[in-house]
Amino acid sequence: MLLQAHTSGLVVFLLAAFLPGLRLQRDGSSNGPVLNPEAQFYRPVLQQSETIPTPGSYVLRDFVGRTCIKATMGAEFIVMENKTSWYFNLDPSRVRLSGKCSKEEALLSLMLPDNSTSLEFTFRKDKDYFYVTKLAARLLPLPVCKGCPNKMYSGFLSHKMLFRTADDQSFKCTSESLLSVSSELRIKLVPLQMQAFGVPNGQFGKEDECWADFNRRAVPIIIGSTALGLMLSIVLSFLIIRDRHRPGYERL
């Protein structure tokens, strides 16, 4: 019996020492090894409050090592469940990058561990322009409440012309790009800059500004110019009226 106990203890020690993900439980409740929580499957955790996503830089190269897609973005998944919004930000440090490149189509896939989360961009080249023709997203988070069932949220946009930009240029948008891929899932990209089908020297080309950024920059200028023009019109009208009512000289 003593020899058997020593043998069992030695086996447990060797398992804990040489098998990653196993540890000895020290609280006395069990003498056997248990799984380390870090070795469990990765699952996103939804949050009730929204925060700005951390931007990540993603570069995909073709079979000869040339950069065919370069993208910088912060990505947020917005889930609608029971009329309540829940949020999850993509962590760039956990992203596994994959994809493919060809002359007329390219794919950029961002995936988290255990396929729990994915975000895919399908690029299309059309003459002198490129654009995203399909956006697909999938999210398998932990349940939002105790007793709530496991649920996957997924959706896609296809046959679109998103972020259309001329060749050798990059699409850039510092404003929010909010895309609804299903009734329960939306994707927010902020900030965003991307270029496909050739990125010379791995650097973004001339920036093609999105309409939201243009309007945010141009509207204050237009309003200011309009206000200035109105003020000048009022001043000129006042001067003209004053000159007309100025008394003249009377003849003797």
C-alpha atoms as a PDB file:
ATOM      1  CA  MET A   1       0.000   0.000   0.000  1.00  0.00           C
ATOM      2  CA  LEU A   2       2.804   2.363   0.866  1.00  0.00           C
ATOM      3  CA  LEU A   3       4.565   1.596  -2.411  1.00  0.00           C
ATOM      4  CA  GLN A   4       1.313   2.179  -4.314  1.00  0.00           C
ATOM      5  CA  ALA A   5       0.788   5.563  -2.666  1.00  0.00           C
ATOM      6  CA  HIS A   6       4.333   6.620  -3.491  1.00  0.00           C
ATOM      7  CA  THR A   7       3.859   5.453  -7.076  1.00  0.00           C
ATOM      8  CA  SER A   8       0.592   7.413  -7.450  1.00  0.00           C
ATOM      9  CA  GLY A   9       2.208  10.521  -6.034  1.00  0.00           C
ATOM     10  CA  LEU A  10       5.139  10.223  -8.429  1.00  0.00           C
ATOM     11  CA  VAL A  11       2.807   9.863 -11.431  1.00  0.00           C
ATOM     12  CA  VAL A  12       0.867  12.991 -10.415  1.00  0.00           C
ATOM     13  CA  PHE A  13       4.106  14.922  -9.919  1.00  0.00           C
ATOM     14  CA  LEU A  14       5.414  13.908 -13.346  1.00  0.00           C
ATOM     15  CA  LEU A  15       2.112  14.863 -15.003  1.00  0.00           C
ATOM     16  CA  ALA A  16       2.193  18.294 -13.392  1.00  0.00           C
ATOM     17  CA  ALA A  17       5.823  18.820 -14.311  1.00  0.00           C
ATOM     18  CA  PHE A  18       5.774  17.732 -17.946  1.00  0.00           C
ATOM     19  CA  LEU A  19       2.225  18.321 -19.222  1.00  0.00           C
ATOM     20  CA  PRO A  20       1.429  22.013 -19.810  1.00  0.00           C
ATOM     21  CA  GLY A  21      -1.957  23.123 -18.600  1.00  0.00           C
ATOM     22  CA  LEU A  22      -1.937  20.849 -15.542  1.00  0.00           C
ATOM     23  CA  ARG A  23      -1.277  21.872 -11.961  1.00  0.00           C
ATOM     24  CA  LEU A  24      -1.539  20.293  -8.538  1.00  0.00           C
ATOM     25  CA  GLN A  25      -4.445  21.496  -6.443  1.00  0.00           C
ATOM     26  CA  ARG A  26      -3.229  22.547  -3.020  1.00  0.00           C
ATOM     27  CA  ASP A  27      -6.481  23.095  -1.156  1.00  0.00           C
ATOM     28  CA  GLY A  28      -6.730  19.437  -0.112  1.00  0.00           C
ATOM     29  CA  SER A  29     -10.068  18.858  -1.838  1.00  0.00           C
ATOM     30  CA  SER A  30      -8.522  16.488  -4.358  1.00  0.00           C
ATOM     31  CA  ASN A  31      -5.207  14.789  -4.875  1.00  0.00           C
ATOM     32  CA  GLY A  32      -5.606  14.619  -8.652  1.00  0.00           C
ATOM     33  CA  PRO A  33      -4.498  17.154 -11.287  1.00  0.00           C
ATOM     34  CA  VAL A  34      -7.021  19.717 -12.613  1.00  0.00           C
ATOM     35  CA  LEU A  35      -7.040  21.861 -15.712  1.00  0.00           C
ATOM     36  CA  ASN A  36      -5.413  25.258 -15.429  1.00  0.00           C
ATOM     37  CA  PRO A  37      -7.986  27.965 -16.299  1.00  0.00           C
ATOM     38  CA  GLU A  38      -5.482  29.382 -18.815  1.00  0.00           C
ATOM     39  CA  ALA A  39      -5.694  26.104 -20.745  1.00  0.00           C
ATOM     40  CA  GLN A  40      -9.451  26.380 -21.272  1.00  0.00           C
ATOM     41  CA  PHE A  41     -10.988  27.512 -24.556  1.00  0.00           C
ATOM     42  CA  TYR A  42     -10.853  31.218 -25.241  1.00  0.00           C
ATOM     43  CA  ARG A  43     -14.256  32.916 -25.204  1.00  0.00           C
ATOM     44  CA  PRO A  44     -14.929  36.652 -25.679  1.00  0.00           C
ATOM     45  CA  VAL A  45     -16.636  38.477 -22.836  1.00  0.00           C
ATOM     46  CA  LEU A  46     -19.305  41.022 -23.782  1.00  0.00           C
ATOM     47  CA  GLN A  47     -19.327  44.365 -21.973  1.00  0.00           C
ATOM     48  CA  GLN A  48     -22.253  46.651 -21.196  1.00  0.00           C
ATOM     49  CA  SER A  49     -20.231  49.848 -21.669  1.00  0.00           C
ATOM     50  CA  GLU A  50     -18.598  50.911 -24.909  1.00  0.00           C
ATOM     51  CA  THR A  51     -14.904  51.775 -25.143  1.00  0.00           C
ATOM     52  CA  ILE A  52     -12.704  52.878 -28.037  1.00  0.00           C
ATOM     53  CA  PRO A  53     -11.162  49.792 -29.712  1.00  0.00           C
ATOM     54  CA  THR A  54      -7.380  49.451 -29.879  1.00  0.00           C
ATOM     55  CA  PRO A  55      -6.122  49.854 -33.471  1.00  0.00           C
ATOM     56  CA  GLY A  56      -4.119  46.995 -34.912  1.00  0.00           C
ATOM     57  CA  SER A  57      -1.838  46.861 -37.954  1.00  0.00           C
ATOM     58  CA  TYR A  58      -2.246  43.883 -40.298  1.00  0.00           C
ATOM     59  CA  VAL A  59      -0.067  43.054 -43.303  1.00  0.00           C
ATOM     60  CA  LEU A  60      -0.677  40.186 -45.737  1.00  0.00           C
ATOM     61  CA  ARG A  61       2.002  39.189 -48.242  1.00  0.00           C
ATOM     62  CA  ASP A  62       1.784  37.146 -51.430  1.00  0.00           C
ATOM     63  CA  PHE A  63       3.790  34.006 -52.233  1.00  0.00           C
ATOM     64  CA  VAL A  64       6.877  36.041 -53.225  1.00  0.00           C
ATOM     65  CA  GLY A  65       6.833  38.180 -50.093  1.00  0.00           C
ATOM     66  CA  ARG A  66       5.334  41.373 -51.512  1.00  0.00           C
ATOM     67  CA  THR A  67       2.760  43.234 -49.450  1.00  0.00           C
ATOM     68  CA  CYS A  68      -0.627  42.808 -51.136  1.00  0.00           C
ATOM     69  CA  ILE A  69      -2.885  44.022 -48.284  1.00  0.00           C
ATOM     70  CA  LYS A  70      -2.132  46.467 -45.506  1.00  0.00           C
ATOM     71  CA  ALA A  71      -4.755  47.549 -43.005  1.00  0.00           C
ATOM     72  CA  THR A  72      -4.840  49.514 -39.777  1.00  0.00           C
ATOM     73  CA  MET A  73      -8.081  49.450 -37.830  1.00  0.00           C
ATOM     74  CA  GLY A  74      -9.820  49.230 -34.506  1.00  0.00           C
ATOM     75  CA  ALA A  75     -12.756  46.802 -34.600  1.00  0.00           C
ATOM     76  CA  GLU A  76     -15.734  46.615 -32.259  1.00  0.00           C
ATOM     77  CA  PHE A  77     -18.493  43.990 -32.279  1.00  0.00           C
ATOM     78  CA  ILE A  78     -21.890  45.306 -31.171  1.00  0.00           C
ATOM     79  CA  VAL A  79     -24.446  42.677 -30.169  1.00  0.00           C
ATOM     80  CA  MET A  80     -28.154  43.334 -29.750  1.00  0.00           C
ATOM     81  CA  GLU A  81     -29.678  40.913 -27.240  1.00  0.00           C
ATOM     82  CA  ASN A  82     -33.082  41.446 -25.581  1.00  0.00           C
ATOM     83  CA  LYS A  83     -33.124  45.075 -26.780  1.00  0.00           C
ATOM     84  CA  THR A  84     -29.809  45.696 -25.000  1.00  0.00           C
ATOM     85  CA  SER A  85     -26.478  46.555 -26.636  1.00  0.00           C
ATOM     86  CA  TRP A  86     -23.383  44.578 -25.694  1.00  0.00           C
ATOM     87  CA  TYR A  87     -19.849  45.338 -26.836  1.00  0.00           C
ATOM     88  CA  PHE A  88     -16.648  43.455 -27.573  1.00  0.00           C
ATOM     89  CA  ASN A  89     -13.417  44.989 -28.899  1.00  0.00           C
ATOM     90  CA  LEU A  90     -11.032  42.965 -31.047  1.00  0.00           C
ATOM     91  CA  ASP A  91      -7.676  42.597 -29.278  1.00  0.00           C
ATOM     92  CA  PRO A  92      -4.897  42.958 -31.901  1.00  0.00           C
ATOM     93  CA  SER A  93      -2.409  41.051 -29.728  1.00  0.00           C
ATOM     94  CA  ARG A  94      -4.583  37.904 -29.953  1.00  0.00           C
ATOM     95  CA  VAL A  95      -5.389  38.093 -33.660  1.00  0.00           C
ATOM     96  CA  ARG A  96      -4.249  35.331 -35.997  1.00  0.00           C
ATOM     97  CA  LEU A  97      -3.864  36.690 -39.531  1.00  0.00           C
ATOM     98  CA  SER A  98      -4.535  34.728 -42.697  1.00  0.00           C
ATOM     99  CA  GLY A  99      -5.779  35.273 -46.240  1.00  0.00           C
ATOM    100  CA  LYS A 100      -4.912  35.023 -49.906  1.00  0.00           C
ATOM    101  CA  CYS A 101      -3.924  37.278 -52.776  1.00  0.00           C
ATOM    102  CA  SER A 102      -4.621  37.105 -56.495  1.00  0.00           C
ATOM    103  CA  LYS A 103      -4.800  39.605 -59.342  1.00  0.00           C
ATOM    104  CA  GLU A 104      -8.502  40.411 -58.999  1.00  0.00           C
ATOM    105  CA  GLU A 105      -9.492  39.127 -55.549  1.00  0.00           C
ATOM    106  CA  ALA A 106      -7.905  39.123 -52.107  1.00  0.00           C
ATOM    107  CA  LEU A 107      -8.995  37.985 -48.654  1.00  0.00           C
ATOM    108  CA  LEU A 108      -7.946  39.322 -45.258  1.00  0.00           C
ATOM    109  CA  SER A 109      -9.063  37.215 -42.291  1.00  0.00           C
ATOM    110  CA  LEU A 110      -8.647  38.249 -38.648  1.00  0.00           C
ATOM    111  CA  MET A 111      -9.356  35.447 -36.179  1.00  0.00           C
ATOM    112  CA  LEU A 112      -9.137  35.047 -32.411  1.00  0.00           C
ATOM    113  CA  PRO A 113      -8.094  31.788 -30.637  1.00  0.00           C
ATOM    114  CA  ASP A 114     -10.348  28.737 -30.899  1.00  0.00           C
ATOM    115  CA  ASN A 115     -12.253  30.375 -33.808  1.00  0.00           C
ATOM    116  CA  SER A 116     -14.304  32.266 -31.236  1.00  0.00           C
ATOM    117  CA  THR A 117     -14.257  35.470 -33.271  1.00  0.00           C
ATOM    118  CA  SER A 118     -13.542  36.270 -36.907  1.00  0.00           C
ATOM    119  CA  LEU A 119     -13.665  39.261 -39.212  1.00  0.00           C
ATOM    120  CA  GLU A 120     -13.098  38.770 -42.951  1.00  0.00           C
ATOM    121  CA  PHE A 121     -12.693  41.290 -45.763  1.00  0.00           C
ATOM    122  CA  THR A 122     -12.950  40.191 -49.394  1.00  0.00           C
ATOM    123  CA  PHE A 123     -11.363  42.702 -51.772  1.00  0.00           C
ATOM    124  CA  ARG A 124     -12.166  43.036 -55.460  1.00  0.00           C
ATOM    125  CA  LYS A 125     -10.194  44.857 -58.137  1.00  0.00           C
ATOM    126  CA  ASP A 126     -12.167  46.548 -60.903  1.00  0.00           C
ATOM    127  CA  LYS A 127     -10.098  48.326 -63.568  1.00  0.00           C
ATOM    128  CA  ASP A 128      -8.326  51.166 -61.719  1.00  0.00           C
ATOM    129  CA  TYR A 129     -10.169  50.774 -58.409  1.00  0.00           C
ATOM    130  CA  PHE A 130     -10.394  48.338 -55.528  1.00  0.00           C
ATOM    131  CA  TYR A 131     -13.071  47.928 -52.878  1.00  0.00           C
ATOM    132  CA  VAL A 132     -14.400  45.509 -50.261  1.00  0.00           C
ATOM    133  CA  THR A 133     -17.123  43.418 -51.869  1.00  0.00           C
ATOM    134  CA  LYS A 134     -17.867  41.239 -48.826  1.00  0.00           C
ATOM    135  CA  LEU A 135     -17.577  41.646 -45.066  1.00  0.00           C
ATOM    136  CA  ALA A 136     -18.247  38.606 -42.846  1.00  0.00           C
ATOM    137  CA  ALA A 137     -18.201  38.480 -39.055  1.00  0.00           C
ATOM    138  CA  ARG A 138     -18.679  35.821 -36.393  1.00  0.00           C
ATOM    139  CA  LEU A 139     -18.697  36.043 -32.586  1.00  0.00           C
ATOM    140  CA  LEU A 140     -19.118  33.243 -30.026  1.00  0.00           C
ATOM    141  CA  PRO A 141     -19.013  34.961 -26.606  1.00  0.00           C
ATOM    142  CA  LEU A 142     -19.696  33.757 -23.113  1.00  0.00           C
ATOM    143  CA  PRO A 143     -23.414  33.974 -22.223  1.00  0.00           C
ATOM    144  CA  VAL A 144     -24.425  37.423 -21.042  1.00  0.00           C
ATOM    145  CA  CYS A 145     -26.163  36.034 -17.940  1.00  0.00           C
ATOM    146  CA  LYS A 146     -26.240  32.966 -15.722  1.00  0.00           C
ATOM    147  CA  GLY A 147     -28.417  30.327 -17.285  1.00  0.00           C
ATOM    148  CA  CYS A 148     -28.433  32.045 -20.668  1.00  0.00           C
ATOM    149  CA  PRO A 149     -27.691  29.658 -23.564  1.00  0.00           C
ATOM    150  CA  ASN A 150     -24.507  29.738 -25.610  1.00  0.00           C
ATOM    151  CA  LYS A 151     -25.173  31.662 -28.783  1.00  0.00           C
ATOM    152  CA  MET A 152     -23.198  32.516 -31.894  1.00  0.00           C
ATOM    153  CA  TYR A 153     -23.736  35.862 -33.608  1.00  0.00           C
ATOM    154  CA  SER A 154     -22.814  36.014 -37.270  1.00  0.00           C
ATOM    155  CA  GLY A 155     -23.640  37.802 -40.487  1.00  0.00           C
ATOM    156  CA  PHE A 156     -22.223  39.269 -43.657  1.00  0.00           C
ATOM    157  CA  LEU A 157     -22.553  41.962 -46.296  1.00  0.00           C
ATOM    158  CA  SER A 158     -21.942  40.845 -49.871  1.00  0.00           C
ATOM    159  CA  HIS A 159     -21.934  42.323 -53.379  1.00  0.00           C
ATOM    160  CA  LYS A 160     -21.022  45.731 -51.963  1.00  0.00           C
ATOM    161  CA  MET A 161     -18.532  48.431 -52.937  1.00  0.00           C
ATOM    162  CA  LEU A 162     -17.248  49.389 -49.497  1.00  0.00           C
ATOM    163  CA  PHE A 163     -14.215  51.672 -49.075  1.00  0.00           C
ATOM    164  CA  ARG A 164     -13.802  52.115 -52.851  1.00  0.00           C
ATOM    165  CA  THR A 165     -10.418  53.641 -53.685  1.00  0.00           C
ATOM    166  CA  ALA A 166      -8.178  54.148 -56.716  1.00  0.00           C
ATOM    167  CA  ASP A 167      -5.179  51.884 -57.275  1.00  0.00           C
ATOM    168  CA  ASP A 168      -1.979  52.814 -55.418  1.00  0.00           C
ATOM    169  CA  GLN A 169      -4.042  54.848 -52.952  1.00  0.00           C
ATOM    170  CA  SER A 170      -5.287  54.001 -49.479  1.00  0.00           C
ATOM    171  CA  PHE A 171      -8.761  54.431 -48.071  1.00  0.00           C
ATOM    172  CA  LYS A 172      -8.693  56.327 -44.778  1.00  0.00           C
ATOM    173  CA  CYS A 173     -11.474  57.166 -42.345  1.00  0.00           C
ATOM    174  CA  THR A 174     -10.961  58.457 -38.808  1.00  0.00           C
ATOM    175  CA  SER A 175     -14.725  58.737 -38.335  1.00  0.00           C
ATOM    176  CA  GLU A 176     -16.766  55.723 -37.291  1.00  0.00           C
ATOM    177  CA  SER A 177     -17.695  53.205 -39.988  1.00  0.00           C
ATOM    178  CA  LEU A 178     -20.734  51.330 -38.661  1.00  0.00           C
ATOM    179  CA  LEU A 179     -21.832  48.274 -40.661  1.00  0.00           C
ATOM    180  CA  SER A 180     -24.843  46.076 -39.890  1.00  0.00           C
ATOM    181  CA  VAL A 181     -24.134  42.458 -40.877  1.00  0.00           C
ATOM    182  CA  SER A 182     -27.304  41.023 -39.272  1.00  0.00           C
ATOM    183  CA  SER A 183     -30.233  42.062 -37.098  1.00  0.00           C
ATOM    184  CA  GLU A 184     -28.218  41.141 -33.997  1.00  0.00           C
ATOM    185  CA  LEU A 185     -24.663  42.053 -34.969  1.00  0.00           C
ATOM    186  CA  ARG A 186     -22.989  45.262 -36.099  1.00  0.00           C
ATOM    187  CA  ILE A 187     -19.327  46.004 -36.750  1.00  0.00           C
ATOM    188  CA  LYS A 188     -17.752  49.362 -35.966  1.00  0.00           C
ATOM    189  CA  LEU A 189     -14.379  50.174 -37.548  1.00  0.00           C
ATOM    190  CA  VAL A 190     -12.569  53.200 -36.107  1.00  0.00           C
ATOM    191  CA  PRO A 191     -10.094  54.413 -37.178  1.00  0.00           C
ATOM    192  CA  LEU A 192      -9.631  52.686 -40.535  1.00  0.00           C
ATOM    193  CA  GLN A 193      -6.996  52.737 -43.258  1.00  0.00           C
ATOM    194  CA  MET A 194      -6.487  50.017 -45.871  1.00  0.00           C
ATOM    195  CA  GLN A 195      -4.905  49.341 -49.228  1.00  0.00           C
ATOM    196  CA  ALA A 196      -5.006  46.238 -51.408  1.00  0.00           C
ATOM    197  CA  PHE A 197      -3.540  44.793 -54.627  1.00  0.00           C
ATOM    198  CA  GLY A 198      -0.126  46.307 -54.208  1.00  0.00           C
ATOM    199  CA  VAL A 199       1.415  48.335 -51.398  1.00  0.00           C
ATOM    200  CA  PRO A 200       4.740  49.680 -52.745  1.00  0.00           C
ATOM    201  CA  ASN A 201       7.525  49.355 -50.176  1.00  0.00           C
ATOM    202  CA  GLY A 202       4.914  48.301 -47.636  1.00  0.00           C
ATOM    203  CA  GLN A 203       3.780  51.895 -47.151  1.00  0.00           C
ATOM    204  CA  PHE A 204       0.304  53.359 -47.593  1.00  0.00           C
ATOM    205  CA  GLY A 205      -0.179  55.393 -50.751  1.00  0.00           C
ATOM    206  CA  LYS A 206      -1.951  58.725 -51.103  1.00  0.00           C
ATOM    207  CA  GLU A 207      -4.886  58.892 -48.696  1.00  0.00           C
ATOM    208  CA  ASP A 208      -8.418  58.869 -50.102  1.00  0.00           C
ATOM    209  CA  GLU A 209     -10.529  60.580 -47.450  1.00  0.00           C
ATOM    210  CA  CYS A 210     -13.948  59.156 -46.579  1.00  0.00           C
ATOM    211  CA  TRP A 211     -17.060  61.340 -46.883  1.00  0.00           C
ATOM    212  CA  ALA A 212     -17.608  61.423 -43.121  1.00  0.00           C
ATOM    213  CA  ASP A 213     -14.141  62.916 -42.561  1.00  0.00           C
ATOM    214  CA  PHE A 214     -14.607  65.350 -45.450  1.00  0.00           C
ATOM    215  CA  ASN A 215     -17.959  66.535 -44.102  1.00  0.00           C
ATOM    216  CA  ARG A 216     -16.614  66.852 -40.569  1.00  0.00           C
ATOM    217  CA  ARG A 217     -13.769  69.004 -41.873  1.00  0.00           C
ATOM    218  CA  ALA A 218     -15.677  70.946 -44.533  1.00  0.00           C
ATOM    219  CA  VAL A 219     -18.956  71.714 -42.725  1.00  0.00           C
ATOM    220  CA  PRO A 220     -17.382  74.020 -40.082  1.00  0.00           C
ATOM    221  CA  ILE A 221     -15.541  75.856 -42.866  1.00  0.00           C
ATOM    222  CA  ILE A 222     -18.760  76.265 -44.869  1.00  0.00           C
ATOM    223  CA  ILE A 223     -20.694  77.430 -41.810  1.00  0.00           C
ATOM    224  CA  GLY A 224     -17.915  79.868 -40.875  1.00  0.00           C
ATOM    225  CA  SER A 225     -17.727  81.242 -44.420  1.00  0.00           C
ATOM    226  CA  THR A 226     -21.507  81.628 -44.565  1.00  0.00           C
ATOM    227  CA  ALA A 227     -21.563  83.453 -41.218  1.00  0.00           C
ATOM    228  CA  LEU A 228     -18.713  85.730 -42.309  1.00  0.00           C
ATOM    229  CA  GLY A 229     -20.471  86.475 -45.615  1.00  0.00           C
ATOM    230  CA  LEU A 230     -23.703  87.296 -43.759  1.00  0.00           C
ATOM    231  CA  MET A 231     -21.885  89.659 -41.401  1.00  0.00           C
ATOM    232  CA  LEU A 232     -20.205  91.427 -44.328  1.00  0.00           C
ATOM    233  CA  SER A 233     -23.565  91.787 -46.084  1.00  0.00           C
ATOM    234  CA  ILE A 234     -25.091  93.363 -42.969  1.00  0.00           C
ATOM    235  CA  VAL A 235     -22.189  95.795 -42.572  1.00  0.00           C
ATOM    236  CA  LEU A 236     -22.284  96.820 -46.245  1.00  0.00           C
ATOM    237  CA  SER A 237     -26.061  97.285 -46.117  1.00  0.00           C
ATOM    238  CA  PHE A 238     -25.708  99.479 -43.041  1.00  0.00           C
ATOM    239  CA  LEU A 239     -23.048 101.657 -44.729  1.00  0.00           C
ATOM    240  CA  ILE A 240     -25.133 102.063 -47.901  1.00  0.00           C
ATOM    241  CA  ILE A 241     -28.259 103.039 -45.945  1.00  0.00           C
ATOM    242  CA  ARG A 242     -26.259 105.496 -43.834  1.00  0.00           C
ATOM    243  CA  ASP A 243     -24.782 107.175 -46.932  1.00  0.00           C
ATOM    244  CA  ARG A 244     -28.227 107.559 -48.512  1.00  0.00           C
ATOM    245  CA  HIS A 245     -29.638 109.280 -45.444  1.00  0.00           C
ATOM    246  CA  ARG A 246     -26.694 111.659 -45.000  1.00  0.00           C
ATOM    247  CA  PRO A 247     -27.967 115.329 -45.283  1.00  0.00           C
ATOM    248  CA  GLY A 248     -26.725 117.264 -48.311  1.00  0.00           C
ATOM    249  CA  TYR A 249     -25.925 120.973 -48.782  1.00  0.00           C
ATOM    250  CA  GLU A 250     -28.858 123.430 -49.263  1.00  0.00           C
ATOM    251  CA  ARG A 251     -28.766 126.132 -51.945  1.00  0.00           C
ATOM    252  CA  LEU A 252     -28.989 129.753 -50.844  1.00  0.00           C
END
